[in-house]
Structure formats: C-alpha cells, structure tokens
Amino acid sequence: MHYKGYEVAPAAQALPSGLFAANLVIHDEASLQERAYVFDALDYFFESDLAIAYAARWARMWIDNRRLPRA
C-alpha cells in the first residue's frame, strides 16, 4: 500500500508458538537513495490479520510523526 510518499508492506510471520509477529517494511519513495526501514516483531497476535492490521496502523503513525516539522 502507498501512504504519503512511502510504500508500506505489513506482514504477519507465523511463529512456532502459534502466535504471529507483526512485521513491517517501509520504502521511502521520495528519497533519492533506495532506502528501506525494516521493523520486525512490533508485537505478537493470535491471528495473522490482526498482526497485519497492527503493522499497517503502526506504519501510518510512524510516517505521520516522521513528517512533522522539526524545531
């Protein structure tokens, strides 16, 4: 999915415990350099769709906070 100039790729990784880790890769499309931010195991969930939704929501918050003007 695209969000404010970033390509966001949320994912759920199945773990041996039966839980799913919420993972995330964010590519900065506006950067002149190929830049990716990788976040593994943001949190753990019993269902894969909850892990993906959480990672997507976390990405939007990270991007919104990153784009705030710095003092």
Protein backbone atom coordinates (compact mmCIF):
# COMPACT_ATOMS: atom_id res chain seq x y z
CA MET A 1 0.00 0.00 0.00
CA HIS A 2 1.09 3.60 -0.54
CA TYR A 3 0.88 6.22 2.18
CA LYS A 4 2.15 9.81 1.89
CA GLY A 5 5.10 9.01 -0.39
CA TYR A 6 6.01 5.71 1.22
CA GLU A 7 5.42 2.13 0.12
CA VAL A 8 4.22 0.20 3.17
CA ALA A 9 4.43 -3.59 3.36
CA PRO A 10 2.93 -5.00 6.57
CA ALA A 11 3.23 -8.76 7.13
CA ALA A 12 2.48 -11.47 9.65
CA GLN A 13 5.12 -14.07 10.43
CA ALA A 14 3.87 -17.37 11.86
CA LEU A 15 5.90 -18.46 14.87
CA PRO A 16 6.36 -21.95 16.34
CA SER A 17 4.39 -20.82 19.41
CA GLY A 18 1.27 -20.35 17.29
CA LEU A 19 1.47 -16.57 17.50
CA PHE A 20 2.02 -14.19 14.60
CA ALA A 21 4.65 -11.45 14.68
CA ALA A 22 3.67 -8.12 13.15
CA ASN A 23 6.48 -7.19 10.74
CA LEU A 24 6.83 -4.14 8.54
CA VAL A 25 8.95 -2.76 5.70
CA ILE A 26 8.62 0.88 4.69
CA HIS A 27 10.26 2.15 1.48
CA ASP A 28 10.84 5.88 1.17
CA GLU A 29 9.70 6.64 -2.39
CA ALA A 30 10.70 10.31 -2.15
CA SER A 31 14.33 9.61 -1.24
CA LEU A 32 16.96 9.79 -3.96
CA GLN A 33 18.60 6.77 -2.34
CA GLU A 34 16.97 3.35 -2.18
CA ARG A 35 16.01 3.46 1.48
CA ALA A 36 14.00 0.90 3.40
CA TYR A 37 13.09 0.81 7.08
CA VAL A 38 12.56 -2.69 8.47
CA PHE A 39 10.69 -3.37 11.71
CA ASP A 40 10.46 -6.97 12.93
CA ALA A 41 8.18 -8.24 15.67
CA LEU A 42 6.45 -4.97 16.52
CA ASP A 43 4.07 -7.05 18.62
CA TYR A 44 2.52 -10.53 18.69
CA PHE A 45 -1.02 -11.66 17.90
CA PHE A 46 -3.12 -14.83 17.87
CA GLU A 47 -4.43 -14.07 14.35
CA SER A 48 -2.45 -13.10 11.26
CA ASP A 49 -4.96 -10.47 10.10
CA LEU A 50 -4.65 -8.66 13.43
CA ALA A 51 -0.85 -8.63 13.10
CA ILE A 52 -1.09 -7.16 9.59
CA ALA A 53 -3.63 -4.52 10.65
CA TYR A 54 -1.44 -3.51 13.59
CA ALA A 55 1.68 -3.21 11.41
CA ALA A 56 -0.23 -1.07 8.87
CA ARG A 57 -1.56 1.23 11.61
CA TRP A 58 1.92 1.44 13.18
CA ALA A 59 3.36 2.41 9.77
CA ARG A 60 0.88 5.27 9.35
CA MET A 61 1.73 6.62 12.81
CA TRP A 62 5.49 6.31 12.15
CA ILE A 63 5.18 8.14 8.82
CA ASP A 64 2.94 10.87 10.25
CA ASN A 65 5.35 11.50 13.14
CA ARG A 66 8.37 11.45 10.83
CA ARG A 67 6.84 14.09 8.57
CA LEU A 68 6.28 16.60 11.37
CA PRO A 69 8.37 19.75 11.06
CA ARG A 70 11.43 19.66 13.26
CA ALA A 71 12.25 22.62 15.51
